[in-house]
Amino acid sequence: MTKQNSSNKFRRKVKPGNKIGRKIGYPTINFNVGDFSEFFTPGVYVCEMKIDKKPYRGSLYYGPKINHPKSILEIHVKDFSRQIYGHLIEFKVCKKLRKPMKFSSLEELKRQINKDLRALQK
């Protein structure tokens, strides 16, 4: 489960990532992990955020990178692909969907991302 801060809301500046999500059709908003490990356990979460004061829902991933032990924090926002590097984004973690998983192929990863996105509808 998530370790709670007082409101479970965060404001962080968007940074460039490795663009892996974009290459597979699921662009993400990336942040420096920094002190997030104090509040999150690795996994995929439903989150709500504001981008330029407009509300969105997304799936937040916190955990190790593919083939690398260092943790990352990224959010995929369905139907959103603007470049917003340097913008301050306010987001709130709502609920954990699952623990991190290892995938044997990009197709398997894409199928799981689609399942995660369907969970945002609930």
N, C-alpha and C. Protein backbone atom coordinates (compact mmCIF):
# COMPACT_ATOMS: atom_id res chain seq x y z
N MET A 1 0.83 -1.19 0.00
CA MET A 1 0.00 0.00 0.00
C MET A 1 0.87 1.24 0.00
N THR A 2 0.26 2.35 -0.23
CA THR A 2 0.96 3.62 -0.26
C THR A 2 1.21 4.11 1.16
N LYS A 3 2.38 4.59 1.41
CA LYS A 3 2.66 5.28 2.66
C LYS A 3 2.10 6.69 2.49
N GLN A 4 1.35 7.18 3.41
CA GLN A 4 0.61 8.43 3.24
C GLN A 4 1.43 9.65 3.65
N ASN A 5 1.30 10.73 2.87
CA ASN A 5 1.71 12.03 3.38
C ASN A 5 0.41 12.70 3.82
N SER A 6 0.44 13.93 4.20
CA SER A 6 -0.75 14.54 4.79
C SER A 6 -1.94 14.58 3.83
N SER A 7 -1.72 14.73 2.54
CA SER A 7 -2.86 14.78 1.61
C SER A 7 -2.69 13.84 0.43
N ASN A 8 -1.54 13.17 0.33
CA ASN A 8 -1.22 12.31 -0.79
C ASN A 8 -1.21 13.07 -2.12
N LYS A 9 -0.98 14.39 -2.04
CA LYS A 9 -0.87 15.23 -3.22
C LYS A 9 0.58 15.69 -3.36
N PHE A 10 1.00 15.81 -4.61
CA PHE A 10 2.37 16.21 -4.90
C PHE A 10 2.36 17.23 -6.03
N ARG A 11 3.35 18.11 -6.03
CA ARG A 11 3.59 19.05 -7.13
C ARG A 11 5.04 18.89 -7.52
N ARG A 12 5.25 18.50 -8.76
CA ARG A 12 6.62 18.28 -9.22
C ARG A 12 6.77 18.79 -10.64
N LYS A 13 8.02 19.08 -10.98
CA LYS A 13 8.35 19.57 -12.32
C LYS A 13 8.60 18.37 -13.25
N VAL A 14 8.06 18.46 -14.46
CA VAL A 14 8.22 17.41 -15.47
C VAL A 14 9.62 17.47 -16.05
N LYS A 15 10.22 16.30 -16.19
CA LYS A 15 11.56 16.20 -16.78
C LYS A 15 11.51 15.26 -17.98
N PRO A 16 12.47 15.38 -18.88
CA PRO A 16 12.52 14.43 -20.01
C PRO A 16 12.83 13.03 -19.51
N GLY A 17 12.24 12.04 -20.17
CA GLY A 17 12.54 10.65 -19.86
C GLY A 17 13.29 10.01 -21.02
N ASN A 18 13.27 8.69 -21.08
CA ASN A 18 13.96 7.97 -22.15
C ASN A 18 13.09 7.77 -23.39
N LYS A 19 11.83 8.21 -23.32
CA LYS A 19 10.88 8.15 -24.43
C LYS A 19 10.52 6.72 -24.84
N ILE A 20 10.67 5.77 -23.92
CA ILE A 20 10.30 4.38 -24.21
C ILE A 20 8.79 4.27 -24.33
N GLY A 21 8.05 4.92 -23.41
CA GLY A 21 6.59 4.89 -23.47
C GLY A 21 6.07 5.45 -24.79
N ARG A 22 6.64 6.53 -25.23
CA ARG A 22 6.23 7.14 -26.50
C ARG A 22 6.45 6.18 -27.66
N LYS A 23 7.58 5.46 -27.63
CA LYS A 23 7.91 4.52 -28.72
C LYS A 23 6.91 3.38 -28.82
N ILE A 24 6.31 2.98 -27.69
CA ILE A 24 5.35 1.88 -27.72
C ILE A 24 3.90 2.36 -27.72
N GLY A 25 3.69 3.67 -27.86
CA GLY A 25 2.33 4.20 -27.96
C GLY A 25 1.71 4.65 -26.66
N TYR A 26 2.49 4.73 -25.58
CA TYR A 26 1.99 5.14 -24.28
C TYR A 26 2.94 6.18 -23.67
N PRO A 27 2.90 7.42 -24.19
CA PRO A 27 3.82 8.44 -23.66
C PRO A 27 3.56 8.70 -22.18
N THR A 28 4.63 9.05 -21.48
CA THR A 28 4.51 9.29 -20.04
C THR A 28 5.08 10.64 -19.67
N ILE A 29 4.61 11.13 -18.53
CA ILE A 29 5.14 12.32 -17.89
C ILE A 29 6.12 11.81 -16.84
N ASN A 30 7.35 12.28 -16.88
CA ASN A 30 8.40 11.77 -16.00
C ASN A 30 8.81 12.81 -14.96
N PHE A 31 9.17 12.32 -13.78
CA PHE A 31 9.58 13.17 -12.67
C PHE A 31 10.85 12.60 -12.05
N ASN A 32 11.63 13.44 -11.38
CA ASN A 32 12.70 12.92 -10.53
C ASN A 32 12.04 12.19 -9.38
N VAL A 33 12.54 11.02 -9.06
CA VAL A 33 11.95 10.24 -7.97
C VAL A 33 12.13 10.96 -6.65
N GLY A 34 13.35 11.46 -6.39
CA GLY A 34 13.59 12.20 -5.17
C GLY A 34 13.08 11.50 -3.94
N ASP A 35 12.27 12.19 -3.16
CA ASP A 35 11.78 11.67 -1.89
C ASP A 35 10.50 10.84 -2.03
N PHE A 36 10.08 10.46 -3.23
CA PHE A 36 8.84 9.72 -3.41
C PHE A 36 8.87 8.35 -2.76
N SER A 37 10.06 7.75 -2.63
CA SER A 37 10.14 6.42 -2.02
C SER A 37 9.66 6.45 -0.56
N GLU A 38 9.65 7.62 0.03
CA GLU A 38 9.14 7.76 1.39
C GLU A 38 7.61 7.55 1.43
N PHE A 39 6.93 7.79 0.29
CA PHE A 39 5.47 7.75 0.25
C PHE A 39 4.91 6.58 -0.54
N PHE A 40 5.67 6.02 -1.47
CA PHE A 40 5.16 4.98 -2.37
C PHE A 40 5.90 3.68 -2.17
N THR A 41 5.18 2.59 -2.35
CA THR A 41 5.82 1.30 -2.56
C THR A 41 5.74 1.05 -4.07
N PRO A 42 6.66 0.31 -4.65
CA PRO A 42 6.65 0.11 -6.09
C PRO A 42 5.32 -0.48 -6.59
N GLY A 43 4.86 0.04 -7.73
CA GLY A 43 3.64 -0.47 -8.32
C GLY A 43 3.01 0.51 -9.29
N VAL A 44 1.81 0.13 -9.75
CA VAL A 44 1.00 0.95 -10.65
C VAL A 44 -0.20 1.44 -9.86
N TYR A 45 -0.46 2.73 -9.96
CA TYR A 45 -1.52 3.39 -9.19
C TYR A 45 -2.45 4.18 -10.12
N VAL A 46 -3.69 4.33 -9.72
CA VAL A 46 -4.59 5.30 -10.34
C VAL A 46 -4.22 6.64 -9.73
N CYS A 47 -4.15 7.67 -10.56
CA CYS A 47 -3.88 8.99 -10.02
C CYS A 47 -4.72 10.03 -10.73
N GLU A 48 -4.90 11.14 -10.07
CA GLU A 48 -5.58 12.30 -10.63
C GLU A 48 -4.58 13.43 -10.64
N MET A 49 -4.67 14.27 -11.66
CA MET A 49 -3.71 15.36 -11.75
C MET A 49 -4.34 16.56 -12.41
N LYS A 50 -3.65 17.68 -12.30
CA LYS A 50 -4.03 18.90 -13.00
C LYS A 50 -2.84 19.30 -13.86
N ILE A 51 -3.14 19.54 -15.13
CA ILE A 51 -2.14 20.04 -16.06
C ILE A 51 -2.69 21.33 -16.61
N ASP A 52 -2.00 22.43 -16.36
CA ASP A 52 -2.49 23.76 -16.73
C ASP A 52 -3.92 23.97 -16.21
N LYS A 53 -4.14 23.56 -14.96
CA LYS A 53 -5.40 23.72 -14.23
C LYS A 53 -6.55 22.85 -14.75
N LYS A 54 -6.30 21.98 -15.73
CA LYS A 54 -7.33 21.08 -16.26
C LYS A 54 -7.17 19.71 -15.61
N PRO A 55 -8.27 19.07 -15.12
CA PRO A 55 -8.16 17.77 -14.45
C PRO A 55 -8.02 16.61 -15.44
N TYR A 56 -7.21 15.63 -15.05
CA TYR A 56 -7.00 14.40 -15.81
C TYR A 56 -6.87 13.23 -14.85
N ARG A 57 -7.11 12.01 -15.37
CA ARG A 57 -6.81 10.77 -14.64
C ARG A 57 -5.72 10.05 -15.40
N GLY A 58 -4.91 9.31 -14.69
CA GLY A 58 -3.84 8.58 -15.34
C GLY A 58 -3.40 7.39 -14.53
N SER A 59 -2.45 6.66 -15.08
CA SER A 59 -1.85 5.55 -14.35
C SER A 59 -0.41 5.94 -14.03
N LEU A 60 -0.07 5.84 -12.78
CA LEU A 60 1.24 6.22 -12.28
C LEU A 60 2.04 4.95 -12.03
N TYR A 61 3.26 4.91 -12.53
CA TYR A 61 4.16 3.79 -12.25
C TYR A 61 5.31 4.30 -11.42
N TYR A 62 5.56 3.61 -10.32
CA TYR A 62 6.74 3.87 -9.51
C TYR A 62 7.45 2.54 -9.30
N GLY A 63 8.71 2.46 -9.69
CA GLY A 63 9.47 1.24 -9.49
C GLY A 63 10.69 1.22 -10.38
N PRO A 64 11.30 0.03 -10.49
CA PRO A 64 12.54 -0.08 -11.26
C PRO A 64 12.30 0.11 -12.76
N LYS A 65 13.32 0.64 -13.43
CA LYS A 65 13.30 0.78 -14.89
C LYS A 65 13.45 -0.60 -15.52
N ILE A 66 13.10 -0.69 -16.79
CA ILE A 66 13.34 -1.92 -17.54
C ILE A 66 14.84 -2.16 -17.59
N ASN A 67 15.25 -3.35 -17.20
CA ASN A 67 16.67 -3.76 -17.22
C ASN A 67 17.58 -2.84 -16.41
N HIS A 68 17.06 -2.22 -15.37
CA HIS A 68 17.89 -1.34 -14.55
C HIS A 68 17.26 -1.26 -13.17
N PRO A 69 18.03 -1.35 -12.10
CA PRO A 69 17.44 -1.37 -10.76
C PRO A 69 16.98 -0.01 -10.24
N LYS A 70 17.39 1.10 -10.86
CA LYS A 70 17.02 2.42 -10.36
C LYS A 70 15.52 2.67 -10.56
N SER A 71 14.86 3.21 -9.55
CA SER A 71 13.42 3.47 -9.62
C SER A 71 13.12 4.73 -10.42
N ILE A 72 11.95 4.70 -11.06
CA ILE A 72 11.45 5.85 -11.80
C ILE A 72 10.04 6.17 -11.32
N LEU A 73 9.57 7.36 -11.65
CA LEU A 73 8.20 7.77 -11.37
C LEU A 73 7.69 8.40 -12.65
N GLU A 74 6.61 7.80 -13.21
CA GLU A 74 6.05 8.31 -14.46
C GLU A 74 4.55 8.12 -14.46
N ILE A 75 3.87 8.98 -15.22
CA ILE A 75 2.41 8.92 -15.32
C ILE A 75 2.03 8.89 -16.79
N HIS A 76 1.18 7.92 -17.15
CA HIS A 76 0.59 7.91 -18.48
C HIS A 76 -0.81 8.49 -18.36
N VAL A 77 -1.07 9.51 -19.18
CA VAL A 77 -2.39 10.15 -19.21
C VAL A 77 -3.02 9.78 -20.54
N LYS A 78 -4.13 9.06 -20.49
CA LYS A 78 -4.79 8.61 -21.71
C LYS A 78 -5.17 9.81 -22.57
N ASP A 79 -4.90 9.69 -23.87
CA ASP A 79 -5.24 10.73 -24.86
C ASP A 79 -4.57 12.07 -24.57
N PHE A 80 -3.37 12.03 -24.03
CA PHE A 80 -2.61 13.26 -23.77
C PHE A 80 -1.19 13.03 -24.26
N SER A 81 -0.70 13.91 -25.14
CA SER A 81 0.66 13.71 -25.65
C SER A 81 1.43 15.02 -25.83
N ARG A 82 0.95 16.10 -25.22
CA ARG A 82 1.68 17.36 -25.31
C ARG A 82 3.03 17.24 -24.62
N GLN A 83 4.01 17.97 -25.10
CA GLN A 83 5.29 18.06 -24.41
C GLN A 83 5.18 19.16 -23.37
N ILE A 84 5.39 18.81 -22.12
CA ILE A 84 5.21 19.76 -21.02
C ILE A 84 6.43 19.79 -20.12
N TYR A 85 7.62 19.55 -20.68
CA TYR A 85 8.84 19.58 -19.89
C TYR A 85 8.94 20.92 -19.16
N GLY A 86 9.30 20.85 -17.89
CA GLY A 86 9.46 22.05 -17.10
C GLY A 86 8.18 22.53 -16.42
N HIS A 87 7.01 22.02 -16.80
CA HIS A 87 5.75 22.41 -16.17
C HIS A 87 5.66 21.80 -14.77
N LEU A 88 5.02 22.52 -13.86
CA LEU A 88 4.71 21.96 -12.54
C LEU A 88 3.38 21.24 -12.65
N ILE A 89 3.37 19.99 -12.25
CA ILE A 89 2.16 19.17 -12.30
C ILE A 89 1.76 18.81 -10.88
N GLU A 90 0.50 19.00 -10.58
CA GLU A 90 -0.05 18.58 -9.29
C GLU A 90 -0.75 17.25 -9.52
N PHE A 91 -0.39 16.22 -8.72
CA PHE A 91 -1.06 14.93 -8.85
C PHE A 91 -1.34 14.32 -7.49
N LYS A 92 -2.35 13.47 -7.48
CA LYS A 92 -2.78 12.80 -6.25
C LYS A 92 -2.87 11.30 -6.54
N VAL A 93 -2.30 10.50 -5.67
CA VAL A 93 -2.38 9.05 -5.79
C VAL A 93 -3.69 8.59 -5.18
N CYS A 94 -4.47 7.81 -5.96
CA CYS A 94 -5.79 7.39 -5.49
C CYS A 94 -5.81 5.96 -4.95
N LYS A 95 -5.37 5.00 -5.75
CA LYS A 95 -5.35 3.61 -5.27
C LYS A 95 -4.34 2.81 -6.06
N LYS A 96 -3.83 1.77 -5.43
CA LYS A 96 -2.85 0.90 -6.08
C LYS A 96 -3.59 -0.15 -6.90
N LEU A 97 -3.15 -0.31 -8.16
CA LEU A 97 -3.73 -1.32 -9.03
C LEU A 97 -3.00 -2.65 -8.94
N ARG A 98 -1.66 -2.58 -8.89
CA ARG A 98 -0.89 -3.82 -8.89
C ARG A 98 0.57 -3.54 -8.54
N LYS A 99 1.29 -4.61 -8.26
CA LYS A 99 2.73 -4.55 -8.04
C LYS A 99 3.43 -4.51 -9.39
N PRO A 100 4.71 -4.11 -9.42
CA PRO A 100 5.46 -4.17 -10.68
C PRO A 100 5.53 -5.61 -11.20
N MET A 101 5.58 -5.74 -12.50
CA MET A 101 5.66 -7.05 -13.14
C MET A 101 6.80 -7.05 -14.15
N LYS A 102 7.33 -8.22 -14.45
CA LYS A 102 8.30 -8.37 -15.53
C LYS A 102 7.56 -8.92 -16.73
N PHE A 103 7.91 -8.43 -17.91
CA PHE A 103 7.23 -8.84 -19.13
C PHE A 103 8.22 -9.48 -20.09
N SER A 104 7.77 -10.53 -20.78
CA SER A 104 8.65 -11.24 -21.70
C SER A 104 8.71 -10.58 -23.07
N SER A 105 7.78 -9.64 -23.34
CA SER A 105 7.79 -8.96 -24.64
C SER A 105 7.10 -7.60 -24.51
N LEU A 106 7.32 -6.74 -25.50
CA LEU A 106 6.63 -5.44 -25.51
C LEU A 106 5.14 -5.64 -25.71
N GLU A 107 4.74 -6.66 -26.46
CA GLU A 107 3.31 -6.93 -26.65
C GLU A 107 2.64 -7.29 -25.33
N GLU A 108 3.31 -8.09 -24.52
CA GLU A 108 2.78 -8.45 -23.20
C GLU A 108 2.66 -7.19 -22.33
N LEU A 109 3.66 -6.32 -22.37
CA LEU A 109 3.61 -5.05 -21.63
C LEU A 109 2.43 -4.20 -22.10
N LYS A 110 2.24 -4.09 -23.41
CA LYS A 110 1.13 -3.29 -23.96
C LYS A 110 -0.22 -3.83 -23.51
N ARG A 111 -0.38 -5.16 -23.50
CA ARG A 111 -1.65 -5.76 -23.03
C ARG A 111 -1.92 -5.39 -21.58
N GLN A 112 -0.86 -5.43 -20.74
CA GLN A 112 -1.05 -5.08 -19.33
C GLN A 112 -1.36 -3.60 -19.16
N ILE A 113 -0.71 -2.74 -19.93
CA ILE A 113 -1.00 -1.30 -19.85
C ILE A 113 -2.46 -1.06 -20.21
N ASN A 114 -2.97 -1.74 -21.23
CA ASN A 114 -4.39 -1.60 -21.59
C ASN A 114 -5.30 -2.04 -20.45
N LYS A 115 -4.95 -3.12 -19.76
CA LYS A 115 -5.73 -3.55 -18.59
C LYS A 115 -5.70 -2.47 -17.51
N ASP A 116 -4.52 -1.92 -17.27
CA ASP A 116 -4.38 -0.87 -16.26
C ASP A 116 -5.24 0.33 -16.63
N LEU A 117 -5.25 0.70 -17.90
CA LEU A 117 -6.04 1.87 -18.34
C LEU A 117 -7.53 1.62 -18.20
N ARG A 118 -7.97 0.39 -18.43
CA ARG A 118 -9.40 0.06 -18.24
C ARG A 118 -9.79 0.23 -16.78
N ALA A 119 -8.86 -0.05 -15.87
CA ALA A 119 -9.13 0.11 -14.43
C ALA A 119 -9.35 1.58 -14.06
N LEU A 120 -8.83 2.51 -14.88
CA LEU A 120 -9.05 3.93 -14.61
C LEU A 120 -10.52 4.31 -14.77
N GLN A 121 -11.24 3.55 -15.59
CA GLN A 121 -12.65 3.83 -15.84
C GLN A 121 -13.53 3.51 -14.64
N LYS A 122 -13.05 2.64 -13.77
CA LYS A 122 -13.87 2.15 -12.64
C LYS A 122 -13.86 3.13 -11.49
